[in-house]
């Protein structure tokens, strides 16, 4: 850190500050924005030097990702990616997607050859909905390994498939009555496990869940953020913050050299309707002071329903296409109200997983009930995902002061499936209704939910602006938003719902010097090209951080 004022001229500066939306240069002093303006204006400030390194780049506020998972940084070690779309790991290497079931099985067999004898095979990224003629279930996994434990987690993180050896080891058979254990018509388990109660049956067999936290996974997570221009990120749902040892998992790694700011949300599930929620709320309120400028504790995530493409989200009428039953509550309405009330009264910020519109309705009912009993201005409680939130629900959310963190990436990754197989074209065209939310006056952000989709705010912007699907259709033209609205959503919008908009999210004098450095201008490229803009790197508190961009991994189809 230097007491000098460093001026960074650029091809363009987009500030997200309505009082001065564009500039030619940014001046930084002691980790904060000193001033924004023309080069001539900034040269009038005392003790300034000009740094030309970004002269031909475009500067925007550092992106703020308000829904991701830190364990995603460790999934490339010891687990196999078998997703449908190409994916870039934190080192910049591109892993080709598996476009059919046979490609998945081949990749699993290749990975099996590299494992030590007896070690379980873990993979992630599967989604059977892409393969209408062939589903990967226990019998298909048995063709890869009959006697070794095998588990593939779906891309949504709410469903997994295991082989017969795993079913036997977990004691899962036709007599198992746990909700989410799927069965064939003859009562035999298919190997598909839906939502947390069912997934918990095999949890210990694989040494924990999908998102294991370690120093390496945290550093990979941070590097992935830098690669995509993210300077503030969220680990939305961790069981660690309540214990001193668990907090140390973060504090030992997130030091002065860590290249991103990290918000850690406690995962508030399984608290029941007794005193445990209030005890947890008191603990979280106490630990809010234990972080520092790069690490923050004291927020909480609650989980209502499941995944839309996994058919476990809770939907209002008319529900799913065909004869599908409604989804699964991960938290009962009674338990949810008890937890929400306790955390709200403790002054905590609450983000709630709401994929289906029935979950959004329960969130709003509970928020209204709690606010009547315990009024609290500027709470900023948030529906996260908010995928099927209706027009009436958005009007109600605005009246109640709620925010919506919208999962626009679904329009690309599952848009065609939502229209043709899951919801029907009418409801699919109304999904992730960012324009309706803004029209109703609801503050919004856009998120990636890494590892569900790739951590890449520019891609997320593209999906909200174009609403294109892989087949080329526009899924809901009237819900498209502008580039400016999308950029606001992934910067100041996300900062607002993390209660950090006074510090980050825009380029204004006095705010932290957190910037994203882009090779191209988002306002000058075609909307379809937004996701292809390469990030040169970031500044975090005025300190440059270098992005990594690698090549495709050959021969992995």
Protein backbone atom coordinates (compact mmCIF):
# COMPACT_ATOMS: atom_id res chain seq x y z
CA UNK A 1 0.00 0.00 0.00
CA UNK A 2 1.29 3.47 -0.85
CA UNK A 3 0.25 6.96 0.22
CA UNK A 4 0.71 8.12 -3.36
CA UNK A 5 -2.32 8.57 -5.56
CA UNK A 6 -2.05 6.20 -8.53
CA UNK A 7 -4.02 7.17 -11.62
CA UNK A 8 -5.14 4.39 -13.96
CA UNK A 9 -6.19 5.71 -17.38
CA UNK A 10 -8.37 3.34 -19.39
CA UNK A 11 -10.13 3.09 -22.74
CA UNK A 12 -13.37 3.45 -20.78
CA UNK A 13 -14.48 3.49 -17.15
CA UNK A 14 -18.05 2.54 -16.27
CA UNK A 15 -18.67 3.49 -12.66
CA UNK A 16 -22.30 2.45 -11.83
CA UNK A 17 -22.44 5.85 -10.09
CA UNK A 18 -25.42 7.73 -11.62
CA UNK A 19 -23.86 11.07 -10.75
CA UNK A 20 -20.84 10.29 -12.95
CA UNK A 21 -21.52 7.10 -14.94
CA UNK A 22 -18.49 7.26 -17.25
CA UNK A 23 -14.91 8.46 -16.96
CA UNK A 24 -11.45 8.21 -18.50
CA UNK A 25 -9.45 7.28 -15.42
CA UNK A 26 -9.59 6.14 -11.81
CA UNK A 27 -7.35 7.47 -9.03
CA UNK A 28 -6.53 5.10 -6.16
CA UNK A 29 -4.92 5.94 -2.81
CA UNK A 30 -4.29 3.61 0.14
CA UNK A 31 -6.67 0.95 -1.14
CA UNK A 32 -9.60 3.26 -1.85
CA UNK A 33 -10.95 5.29 -4.73
CA UNK A 34 -9.55 8.80 -4.49
CA UNK A 35 -11.39 10.23 -7.47
CA UNK A 36 -12.89 9.43 -10.88
CA UNK A 37 -12.76 11.67 -13.94
CA UNK A 38 -10.69 12.71 -16.93
CA UNK A 39 -6.94 12.31 -16.86
CA UNK A 40 -6.47 16.08 -16.78
CA UNK A 41 -8.80 16.40 -13.80
CA UNK A 42 -7.07 13.67 -11.82
CA UNK A 43 -3.59 15.05 -12.53
CA UNK A 44 -4.60 18.04 -10.43
CA UNK A 45 -4.63 15.92 -7.26
CA UNK A 46 -1.46 16.05 -5.09
CA UNK A 47 1.23 13.34 -5.01
CA UNK A 48 -0.11 11.48 -8.03
CA UNK A 49 1.58 9.17 -10.51
CA UNK A 50 0.16 7.69 -13.70
CA UNK A 51 0.16 3.93 -14.22
CA UNK A 52 -0.47 3.10 -17.90
CA UNK A 53 -0.95 -0.66 -17.56
CA UNK A 54 -4.73 -0.48 -18.23
CA UNK A 55 -4.55 2.25 -20.89
CA UNK A 56 -6.19 -0.03 -23.51
CA UNK A 57 -8.50 -1.89 -21.12
CA UNK A 58 -12.01 -1.21 -19.80
CA UNK A 59 -12.55 -0.71 -16.07
CA UNK A 60 -15.82 -1.57 -14.31
CA UNK A 61 -16.58 -2.14 -10.62
CA UNK A 62 -15.35 -5.49 -9.38
CA UNK A 63 -18.15 -7.99 -9.80
CA UNK A 64 -20.02 -9.09 -6.69
CA UNK A 65 -21.25 -12.70 -6.61
CA UNK A 66 -23.95 -13.09 -3.95
CA UNK A 67 -24.59 -16.82 -4.38
CA UNK A 68 -21.75 -19.31 -4.82
CA UNK A 69 -20.12 -22.08 -2.78
CA UNK A 70 -16.47 -22.03 -1.71
CA UNK A 71 -16.20 -25.81 -1.90
CA UNK A 72 -16.55 -25.56 -5.68
CA UNK A 73 -12.86 -24.67 -5.76
CA UNK A 74 -11.97 -28.18 -4.58
CA UNK A 75 -14.19 -30.19 -6.89
CA UNK A 76 -11.53 -30.48 -9.55
CA UNK A 77 -9.32 -32.51 -7.18
CA UNK A 78 -10.42 -36.10 -6.66
CA UNK A 79 -13.73 -35.68 -8.50
CA UNK A 80 -14.57 -36.11 -12.17
CA UNK A 81 -16.48 -33.54 -14.21
CA UNK A 82 -19.15 -35.18 -16.39
CA UNK A 83 -21.40 -32.20 -17.16
CA UNK A 84 -23.07 -31.57 -20.49
CA UNK A 85 -21.45 -28.18 -21.21
CA UNK A 86 -17.76 -27.31 -21.46
CA UNK A 87 -16.40 -26.05 -18.15
CA UNK A 88 -13.31 -24.04 -17.17
CA UNK A 89 -11.47 -24.96 -13.98
CA UNK A 90 -9.78 -22.39 -11.67
CA UNK A 91 -6.46 -22.85 -13.47
CA UNK A 92 -8.09 -21.79 -16.74
CA UNK A 93 -8.22 -25.26 -18.32
CA UNK A 94 -11.34 -26.01 -20.38
CA UNK A 95 -12.93 -29.43 -19.80
CA UNK A 96 -15.13 -30.52 -22.72
CA UNK A 97 -18.67 -31.47 -21.85
CA UNK A 98 -20.07 -35.00 -22.13
CA UNK A 99 -22.77 -34.77 -24.78
CA UNK A 100 -24.20 -38.27 -24.42
CA UNK A 101 -24.48 -40.99 -21.79
CA UNK A 102 -21.71 -43.07 -23.34
CA UNK A 103 -19.28 -40.15 -23.06
CA UNK A 104 -20.06 -39.97 -19.34
CA UNK A 105 -19.42 -43.67 -18.84
CA UNK A 106 -16.15 -43.47 -20.82
CA UNK A 107 -14.91 -40.60 -18.69
CA UNK A 108 -15.80 -42.50 -15.52
CA UNK A 109 -13.89 -45.56 -16.72
CA UNK A 110 -10.86 -43.39 -17.54
CA UNK A 111 -11.00 -41.88 -14.06
CA UNK A 112 -11.38 -45.32 -12.48
CA UNK A 113 -8.03 -46.36 -13.96
CA UNK A 114 -6.32 -43.52 -12.07
CA UNK A 115 -7.80 -44.36 -8.66
CA UNK A 116 -6.09 -46.30 -5.91
CA UNK A 117 -7.56 -49.74 -5.20
CA UNK A 118 -10.73 -49.51 -3.15
CA UNK A 119 -11.03 -45.71 -3.36
CA UNK A 120 -14.56 -44.46 -4.12
CA UNK A 121 -15.25 -42.86 -7.49
CA UNK A 122 -16.88 -39.43 -7.19
CA UNK A 123 -18.12 -37.36 -10.12
CA UNK A 124 -20.27 -34.25 -10.61
CA UNK A 125 -22.19 -32.28 -13.21
CA UNK A 126 -24.62 -34.98 -14.40
CA UNK A 127 -28.14 -34.14 -15.49
CA UNK A 128 -30.22 -36.97 -16.93
CA UNK A 129 -32.70 -34.51 -18.38
CA UNK A 130 -30.32 -33.89 -21.30
CA UNK A 131 -30.53 -37.55 -22.34
CA UNK A 132 -34.14 -38.42 -23.24
CA UNK A 133 -33.34 -41.95 -24.38
CA UNK A 134 -30.78 -43.03 -21.77
CA UNK A 135 -30.64 -42.24 -18.04
CA UNK A 136 -27.56 -42.80 -15.90
CA UNK A 137 -28.81 -44.79 -12.90
CA UNK A 138 -27.42 -47.58 -10.68
CA UNK A 139 -27.49 -50.23 -13.41
CA UNK A 140 -25.51 -48.02 -15.80
CA UNK A 141 -22.96 -47.21 -13.07
CA UNK A 142 -22.63 -50.92 -12.33
CA UNK A 143 -21.21 -51.29 -15.85
CA UNK A 144 -18.36 -48.99 -14.73
CA UNK A 145 -17.72 -50.57 -11.34
CA UNK A 146 -19.65 -53.37 -9.65
CA UNK A 147 -17.73 -53.63 -6.37
CA UNK A 148 -16.45 -50.08 -5.82
CA UNK A 149 -18.48 -47.20 -4.39
CA UNK A 150 -19.58 -44.79 -7.15
CA UNK A 151 -21.52 -41.53 -6.82
CA UNK A 152 -22.33 -38.86 -9.40
CA UNK A 153 -23.87 -35.65 -8.12
CA UNK A 154 -26.24 -33.86 -10.47
CA UNK A 155 -25.31 -30.37 -11.62
CA UNK A 156 -28.04 -28.93 -9.38
CA UNK A 157 -26.48 -30.39 -6.22
CA UNK A 158 -29.89 -31.65 -5.05
CA UNK A 159 -29.78 -35.09 -6.67
CA UNK A 160 -27.14 -37.83 -6.86
CA UNK A 161 -26.93 -41.25 -8.49
CA UNK A 162 -25.08 -44.16 -6.89
CA UNK A 163 -24.33 -47.70 -8.01
CA UNK A 164 -25.60 -50.94 -6.51
CA UNK A 165 -22.50 -51.40 -4.34
CA UNK A 166 -23.23 -48.06 -2.69
CA UNK A 167 -26.88 -48.93 -2.18
CA UNK A 168 -25.84 -52.14 -0.45
CA UNK A 169 -23.23 -50.41 1.69
CA UNK A 170 -25.79 -47.81 2.82
CA UNK A 171 -28.47 -50.41 3.51
CA UNK A 172 -30.81 -48.93 0.92
CA UNK A 173 -33.26 -51.45 -0.53
CA UNK A 174 -36.89 -51.85 -1.41
CA UNK A 175 -37.94 -51.44 2.22
CA UNK A 176 -36.30 -48.01 2.60
CA UNK A 177 -39.04 -45.42 3.13
CA UNK A 178 -36.96 -42.21 3.17
CA UNK A 179 -38.46 -39.52 0.92
CA UNK A 180 -36.30 -38.99 -2.15
CA UNK A 181 -35.09 -42.60 -2.55
CA UNK A 182 -36.36 -43.25 -6.07
CA UNK A 183 -37.52 -46.73 -7.06
CA UNK A 184 -38.43 -48.71 -10.15
CA UNK A 185 -42.05 -49.92 -10.49
CA UNK A 186 -41.03 -53.21 -8.88
CA UNK A 187 -39.85 -51.36 -5.74
CA UNK A 188 -36.11 -51.75 -6.41
CA UNK A 189 -34.07 -48.56 -5.78
CA UNK A 190 -32.93 -46.91 -9.02
CA UNK A 191 -29.83 -45.41 -7.38
CA UNK A 192 -31.23 -41.87 -7.69
CA UNK A 193 -31.34 -39.95 -4.39
CA UNK A 194 -33.25 -36.67 -4.24
CA UNK A 195 -32.69 -33.94 -1.66
CA UNK A 196 -30.97 -33.90 1.69
CA UNK A 197 -32.75 -36.64 3.60
CA UNK A 198 -32.01 -39.20 0.89
CA UNK A 199 -28.52 -37.89 0.12
CA UNK A 200 -27.66 -38.14 3.80
CA UNK A 201 -27.96 -41.93 3.62
CA UNK A 202 -24.69 -42.17 1.64
CA UNK A 203 -22.96 -39.04 2.93
CA UNK A 204 -20.41 -40.76 5.16
CA UNK A 205 -19.51 -43.42 2.59
CA UNK A 206 -17.87 -40.80 0.41
CA UNK A 207 -16.09 -38.87 3.15
CA UNK A 208 -18.54 -36.00 3.13
CA UNK A 209 -20.51 -34.07 0.57
CA UNK A 210 -19.85 -32.48 -2.77
CA UNK A 211 -18.47 -29.20 -1.42
CA UNK A 212 -15.57 -30.00 0.89
CA UNK A 213 -13.68 -26.99 2.24
CA UNK A 214 -9.89 -26.81 2.50
CA UNK A 215 -7.16 -24.24 2.08
CA UNK A 216 -6.66 -25.43 -1.49
CA UNK A 217 -10.36 -25.25 -2.35
CA UNK A 218 -10.59 -21.73 -0.92
CA UNK A 219 -7.58 -20.58 -2.92
CA UNK A 220 -8.96 -22.19 -6.08
CA UNK A 221 -12.30 -20.52 -5.40
CA UNK A 222 -10.56 -17.16 -5.08
CA UNK A 223 -8.52 -17.66 -8.25
CA UNK A 224 -11.66 -18.60 -10.16
CA UNK A 225 -13.17 -15.34 -8.93
CA UNK A 226 -10.18 -13.32 -10.15
CA UNK A 227 -10.34 -15.09 -13.52
CA UNK A 228 -13.87 -13.75 -13.96
CA UNK A 229 -13.51 -10.25 -12.49
CA UNK A 230 -15.13 -11.03 -9.13
CA UNK A 231 -13.78 -9.10 -6.15
CA UNK A 232 -16.49 -9.89 -3.57
CA UNK A 233 -17.93 -13.39 -3.33
CA UNK A 234 -20.26 -15.37 -1.09
CA UNK A 235 -20.05 -18.84 0.38
CA UNK A 236 -23.81 -19.23 0.67
CA UNK A 237 -24.36 -22.02 3.13
CA UNK A 238 -21.60 -23.30 5.40
CA UNK A 239 -21.85 -25.34 8.61
CA UNK A 240 -18.49 -24.06 9.91
CA UNK A 241 -18.95 -20.52 11.25
CA UNK A 242 -20.54 -21.52 14.57
CA UNK A 243 -17.39 -23.20 15.87
CA UNK A 244 -14.01 -21.61 16.50
CA UNK A 245 -12.32 -24.44 14.59
CA UNK A 246 -14.71 -24.00 11.67
CA UNK A 247 -14.07 -20.27 11.48
CA UNK A 248 -10.35 -20.99 11.51
CA UNK A 249 -10.84 -22.97 8.27
CA UNK A 250 -11.55 -19.60 6.71
CA UNK A 251 -9.43 -17.19 8.76
CA UNK A 252 -6.21 -19.19 8.32
CA UNK A 253 -6.54 -18.84 4.53
CA UNK A 254 -8.30 -15.51 3.99
CA UNK A 255 -5.35 -13.31 4.90
CA UNK A 256 -4.02 -9.96 3.67
CA UNK A 257 -2.90 -11.58 0.40
CA UNK A 258 -6.20 -13.32 -0.36
CA UNK A 259 -7.37 -11.87 -3.70
CA UNK A 260 -11.13 -11.57 -2.99
CA UNK A 261 -13.52 -10.50 -0.22
CA UNK A 262 -15.51 -13.42 1.19
CA UNK A 263 -18.93 -13.40 2.89
CA UNK A 264 -19.73 -16.64 4.73
CA UNK A 265 -23.40 -17.47 5.33
CA UNK A 266 -24.27 -20.03 7.99
CA UNK A 267 -26.48 -22.86 6.68
CA UNK A 268 -29.55 -22.84 8.92
CA UNK A 269 -31.15 -26.25 8.39
CA UNK A 270 -32.35 -28.87 10.84
CA UNK A 271 -33.02 -26.44 13.69
CA UNK A 272 -36.52 -27.67 14.51
CA UNK A 273 -39.16 -25.54 16.20
CA UNK A 274 -37.58 -25.45 19.67
CA UNK A 275 -34.93 -23.16 21.20
CA UNK A 276 -32.07 -24.19 18.87
CA UNK A 277 -32.86 -21.51 16.27
CA UNK A 278 -32.71 -18.74 18.87
CA UNK A 279 -29.45 -20.12 20.28
CA UNK A 280 -27.96 -20.23 16.79
CA UNK A 281 -29.13 -16.68 16.07
CA UNK A 282 -27.43 -15.39 19.22
CA UNK A 283 -24.19 -17.13 18.28
CA UNK A 284 -24.22 -15.70 14.75
CA UNK A 285 -24.92 -12.21 16.07
CA UNK A 286 -21.88 -12.51 18.32
CA UNK A 287 -19.47 -13.66 15.61
CA UNK A 288 -20.26 -10.79 13.23
CA UNK A 289 -17.37 -8.88 14.82
CA UNK A 290 -14.82 -11.66 14.33
CA UNK A 291 -14.02 -11.15 10.66
CA UNK A 292 -12.10 -8.40 8.90
CA UNK A 293 -12.28 -6.39 5.69
CA UNK A 294 -11.83 -9.53 3.55
CA UNK A 295 -13.80 -12.02 5.65
CA UNK A 296 -17.29 -11.60 7.09
CA UNK A 297 -19.47 -13.87 9.21
CA UNK A 298 -22.94 -13.45 10.69
CA UNK A 299 -25.36 -13.92 7.78
CA UNK A 300 -27.58 -16.98 7.34
CA UNK A 301 -29.03 -19.06 4.49
CA UNK A 302 -32.28 -20.99 4.82
CA UNK A 303 -33.42 -23.69 2.39
CA UNK A 304 -37.04 -24.19 1.39
CA UNK A 305 -37.46 -26.33 -1.72
CA UNK A 306 -35.27 -28.18 -4.21
CA UNK A 307 -34.39 -28.03 -7.91
CA UNK A 308 -36.76 -27.32 -10.80
CA UNK A 309 -34.98 -29.51 -13.35
CA UNK A 310 -34.61 -32.13 -10.62
CA UNK A 311 -38.41 -31.97 -10.09
CA UNK A 312 -37.92 -31.29 -6.37
CA UNK A 313 -38.83 -27.57 -6.38
CA UNK A 314 -42.23 -26.70 -4.92
CA UNK A 315 -44.58 -25.30 -7.57
CA UNK A 316 -47.99 -23.68 -7.40
CA UNK A 317 -50.66 -24.72 -9.90
CA UNK A 318 -50.43 -25.77 -12.69
CA UNK A 319 -47.28 -27.52 -11.47
CA UNK A 320 -44.95 -29.58 -13.64
CA UNK A 321 -45.75 -30.90 -17.08
CA UNK A 322 -47.36 -34.32 -17.21
CA UNK A 323 -48.18 -36.23 -14.07
CA UNK A 324 -45.17 -35.28 -11.96
CA UNK A 325 -45.90 -34.84 -8.28
CA UNK A 326 -44.92 -31.62 -6.54
CA UNK A 327 -41.41 -31.31 -5.14
CA UNK A 328 -39.92 -31.68 -1.67
CA UNK A 329 -39.76 -29.25 1.23
CA UNK A 330 -36.22 -29.32 2.61
CA UNK A 331 -37.50 -27.32 5.57
CA UNK A 332 -41.07 -27.62 6.81
CA UNK A 333 -43.15 -24.39 6.92
CA UNK A 334 -43.26 -24.57 10.72
CA UNK A 335 -39.51 -25.01 11.09
CA UNK A 336 -38.90 -22.28 8.53
CA UNK A 337 -41.02 -19.75 10.39
CA UNK A 338 -39.29 -20.51 13.70
CA UNK A 339 -35.83 -20.11 12.18
CA UNK A 340 -36.68 -17.05 10.10
CA UNK A 341 -38.22 -15.29 13.10
CA UNK A 342 -35.22 -16.03 15.32
CA UNK A 343 -32.63 -14.82 12.80
CA UNK A 344 -34.69 -11.75 11.89
CA UNK A 345 -35.08 -10.70 15.53
CA UNK A 346 -31.32 -11.10 16.02
CA UNK A 347 -30.74 -8.50 13.29
CA UNK A 348 -29.21 -10.97 10.84
CA UNK A 349 -29.37 -10.88 7.04
CA UNK A 350 -31.30 -13.89 5.69
CA UNK A 351 -31.07 -15.31 2.15
CA UNK A 352 -33.63 -18.02 1.38
CA UNK A 353 -33.44 -20.68 -1.35
CA UNK A 354 -36.72 -20.32 -3.31
CA UNK A 355 -36.75 -22.04 -6.71
CA UNK A 356 -40.46 -22.69 -7.15
CA UNK A 357 -43.26 -20.14 -6.81
CA UNK A 358 -44.78 -22.06 -3.91
CA UNK A 359 -41.49 -21.55 -2.05
CA UNK A 360 -41.57 -17.83 -2.93
CA UNK A 361 -45.11 -17.64 -1.55
CA UNK A 362 -44.07 -19.27 1.72
CA UNK A 363 -41.10 -16.89 1.99
CA UNK A 364 -43.37 -13.87 1.52
CA UNK A 365 -46.06 -15.19 3.88
CA UNK A 366 -43.45 -15.75 6.57
CA UNK A 367 -41.71 -12.43 6.00
CA UNK A 368 -45.01 -10.56 6.27
CA UNK A 369 -45.99 -12.42 9.45
CA UNK A 370 -42.61 -11.79 11.08
CA UNK A 371 -42.50 -8.11 10.09
CA UNK A 372 -45.93 -7.50 11.60
CA UNK A 373 -44.70 -8.90 14.91
CA UNK A 374 -41.15 -7.55 14.71
CA UNK A 375 -40.85 -4.51 12.41
CA UNK A 376 -37.34 -3.93 11.13
CA UNK A 377 -36.39 -1.30 8.55
CA UNK A 378 -33.92 -2.06 5.78
CA UNK A 379 -33.71 -5.80 6.46
CA UNK A 380 -32.85 -6.74 2.82
CA UNK A 381 -33.92 -10.38 3.25
CA UNK A 382 -33.55 -12.09 -0.12
CA UNK A 383 -35.24 -14.74 -2.23
CA UNK A 384 -32.29 -16.47 -3.84
CA UNK A 385 -32.89 -18.16 -7.22
CA UNK A 386 -36.41 -16.65 -7.37
CA UNK A 387 -36.92 -18.58 -10.59
CA UNK A 388 -40.69 -18.81 -10.81
CA UNK A 389 -41.63 -15.80 -8.70
CA UNK A 390 -44.85 -14.37 -10.15
CA UNK A 391 -45.86 -10.80 -10.96
CA UNK A 392 -48.06 -10.62 -7.86
CA UNK A 393 -45.24 -12.02 -5.71
CA UNK A 394 -42.79 -9.41 -6.98
CA UNK A 395 -45.25 -6.61 -6.17
CA UNK A 396 -45.64 -8.07 -2.71
CA UNK A 397 -41.86 -8.47 -2.30
CA UNK A 398 -41.38 -4.79 -3.10
CA UNK A 399 -43.98 -3.82 -0.50
CA UNK A 400 -42.21 -5.98 2.10
CA UNK A 401 -38.71 -4.67 1.32
CA UNK A 402 -37.39 -8.00 0.01
CA UNK A 403 -34.68 -8.53 -2.61
CA UNK A 404 -34.41 -11.12 -5.38
CA UNK A 405 -31.17 -12.82 -6.43
CA UNK A 406 -32.18 -14.23 -9.82
CA UNK A 407 -30.71 -17.34 -11.47
CA UNK A 408 -30.72 -16.18 -15.11
CA UNK A 409 -28.17 -18.83 -16.11
CA UNK A 410 -31.01 -21.38 -16.08
CA UNK A 411 -32.38 -19.79 -19.25
CA UNK A 412 -29.37 -21.15 -21.12
CA UNK A 413 -28.36 -24.31 -19.30
CA UNK A 414 -31.89 -25.73 -18.90
CA UNK A 415 -34.09 -23.33 -20.89
CA UNK A 416 -35.02 -25.74 -23.67
CA UNK A 417 -35.73 -28.49 -21.14
CA UNK A 418 -37.86 -26.14 -19.03
CA UNK A 419 -39.92 -25.24 -22.08
CA UNK A 420 -40.29 -28.73 -23.55
CA UNK A 421 -40.12 -31.19 -20.65
CA UNK A 422 -40.40 -29.53 -17.24
CA UNK A 423 -42.75 -26.55 -17.19
CA UNK A 424 -44.06 -25.82 -20.69
CA UNK A 425 -43.30 -22.83 -22.87
CA UNK A 426 -45.65 -20.41 -21.09
CA UNK A 427 -44.19 -20.76 -17.60
CA UNK A 428 -40.63 -21.21 -18.91
CA UNK A 429 -40.93 -17.86 -20.72
CA UNK A 430 -41.75 -16.21 -17.39
CA UNK A 431 -38.80 -17.74 -15.50
CA UNK A 432 -36.12 -15.59 -13.91
CA UNK A 433 -38.20 -12.51 -14.58
CA UNK A 434 -35.58 -9.84 -13.93
CA UNK A 435 -37.43 -7.16 -15.86
CA UNK A 436 -40.64 -7.76 -13.93
CA UNK A 437 -38.74 -7.59 -10.64
CA UNK A 438 -37.22 -4.24 -11.59
CA UNK A 439 -40.56 -2.94 -12.83
CA UNK A 440 -42.11 -3.86 -9.49
CA UNK A 441 -39.33 -2.05 -7.62
CA UNK A 442 -37.55 -5.12 -6.24
CA UNK A 443 -33.74 -4.77 -5.90
CA UNK A 444 -32.11 -7.59 -7.87
CA UNK A 445 -28.85 -9.37 -8.42
CA UNK A 446 -27.90 -12.15 -10.83
CA UNK A 447 -25.88 -15.15 -9.68
CA UNK A 448 -24.18 -18.35 -10.84
CA UNK A 449 -24.52 -20.65 -7.79
CA UNK A 450 -21.10 -22.20 -8.56
CA UNK A 451 -20.61 -25.11 -8.97
CA UNK A 452 -24.16 -25.46 -10.39
CA UNK A 453 -23.12 -23.16 -13.23
CA UNK A 454 -19.74 -21.60 -13.95
CA UNK A 455 -18.65 -18.58 -11.93
CA UNK A 456 -18.78 -15.95 -14.68
CA UNK A 457 -20.79 -12.73 -14.15
CA UNK A 458 -20.31 -11.65 -17.78
CA UNK A 459 -21.96 -14.88 -18.93
CA UNK A 460 -24.71 -14.34 -16.38
CA UNK A 461 -25.26 -10.84 -17.77
CA UNK A 462 -25.51 -12.29 -21.27
CA UNK A 463 -28.20 -14.75 -20.25
CA UNK A 464 -30.31 -12.03 -18.57
CA UNK A 465 -29.91 -9.66 -21.53
CA UNK A 466 -30.52 -12.15 -24.37
CA UNK A 467 -32.59 -14.93 -22.70
CA UNK A 468 -31.30 -17.24 -25.43
CA UNK A 469 -31.38 -21.02 -25.17
CA UNK A 470 -28.93 -23.41 -26.87
CA UNK A 471 -31.55 -24.13 -29.57
CA UNK A 472 -31.57 -20.43 -30.48
CA UNK A 473 -34.98 -19.38 -29.19
CA UNK A 474 -35.53 -16.34 -27.00
CA UNK A 475 -37.27 -17.58 -23.86
CA UNK A 476 -39.43 -14.64 -22.85
CA UNK A 477 -38.52 -11.58 -24.91
CA UNK A 478 -40.39 -9.22 -22.58
CA UNK A 479 -38.25 -10.26 -19.59
CA UNK A 480 -34.96 -9.23 -21.18
CA UNK A 481 -33.06 -6.47 -19.40
CA UNK A 482 -30.51 -3.97 -20.70
CA UNK A 483 -26.74 -4.31 -20.46
CA UNK A 484 -26.69 -1.43 -17.98
CA UNK A 485 -29.32 -3.11 -15.79
CA UNK A 486 -27.42 -6.40 -15.93
CA UNK A 487 -24.11 -4.76 -15.04
CA UNK A 488 -25.78 -2.98 -12.14
CA UNK A 489 -27.21 -6.31 -10.96
CA UNK A 490 -23.80 -8.04 -10.78
CA UNK A 491 -22.10 -5.08 -9.11
CA UNK A 492 -24.11 -2.62 -7.03
CA UNK A 493 -27.22 -4.82 -6.96
CA UNK A 494 -25.40 -7.74 -5.38
CA UNK A 495 -23.49 -5.42 -3.03
CA UNK A 496 -26.81 -3.99 -1.84
CA UNK A 497 -28.25 -7.37 -0.88
CA UNK A 498 -25.03 -8.18 1.02
CA UNK A 499 -25.32 -4.80 2.79
CA UNK A 500 -21.98 -3.77 1.30
CA UNK A 501 -23.10 -1.12 -1.20
CA UNK A 502 -21.50 1.62 0.92
CA UNK A 503 -18.13 -0.10 0.38
CA UNK A 504 -18.14 -1.86 -3.00
CA UNK A 505 -20.21 -2.27 -6.16
CA UNK A 506 -19.51 1.08 -7.81
CA UNK A 507 -16.50 3.27 -8.54
CA UNK A 508 -17.00 6.25 -6.24
CA UNK A 509 -14.63 8.35 -4.16
CA UNK A 510 -14.13 6.77 -0.73
CA UNK A 511 -15.15 3.25 -1.69
CA UNK A 512 -12.73 0.34 -1.75
CA UNK A 513 -10.62 0.20 -4.91
CA UNK A 514 -12.11 -3.08 -6.13
CA UNK A 515 -12.11 -3.08 -9.93
CA UNK A 516 -12.52 -5.53 -12.80
CA UNK A 517 -10.24 -5.03 -15.79
CA UNK A 518 -11.78 -6.16 -19.09
CA UNK A 519 -10.35 -6.55 -22.58
CA UNK A 520 -13.56 -5.28 -24.21
CA UNK A 521 -16.37 -2.89 -23.38
CA UNK A 522 -19.68 -4.57 -22.40
CA UNK A 523 -21.55 -1.61 -23.88
CA UNK A 524 -19.87 -1.95 -27.28
CA UNK A 525 -20.03 -5.68 -28.03
CA UNK A 526 -23.15 -7.49 -29.24
CA UNK A 527 -25.20 -8.82 -26.30
CA UNK A 528 -24.53 -12.40 -27.43
CA UNK A 529 -20.79 -11.71 -27.05
CA UNK A 530 -20.91 -10.47 -23.44
CA UNK A 531 -19.91 -13.83 -22.03
CA UNK A 532 -16.89 -14.00 -24.30
CA UNK A 533 -15.25 -10.85 -22.95
CA UNK A 534 -11.96 -11.85 -21.39
CA UNK A 535 -11.05 -10.59 -17.94
CA UNK A 536 -7.50 -9.29 -17.69
CA UNK A 537 -7.58 -9.30 -13.90
CA UNK A 538 -8.81 -7.27 -10.95
CA UNK A 539 -7.74 -4.75 -8.37
CA UNK A 540 -8.64 -5.62 -4.80
CA UNK A 541 -8.11 -2.72 -2.44
CA UNK A 542 -5.87 -1.23 -5.11
CA UNK A 543 -3.68 -4.35 -5.38
CA UNK A 544 -3.54 -5.89 -8.91
CA UNK A 545 -4.60 -9.56 -9.23
CA UNK A 546 -3.83 -11.51 -12.40
CA UNK A 547 -6.39 -13.70 -14.14
CA UNK A 548 -5.40 -17.12 -15.48
CA UNK A 549 -6.65 -18.34 -18.83
CA UNK A 550 -5.56 -21.72 -20.14
CA UNK A 551 -6.33 -23.99 -23.06
CA UNK A 552 -8.78 -26.80 -23.74
CA UNK A 553 -8.04 -30.19 -22.24
CA UNK A 554 -7.57 -32.46 -25.22
CA UNK A 555 -9.00 -35.90 -25.67
CA UNK A 556 -11.58 -35.75 -22.88
CA UNK A 557 -14.95 -36.33 -24.52
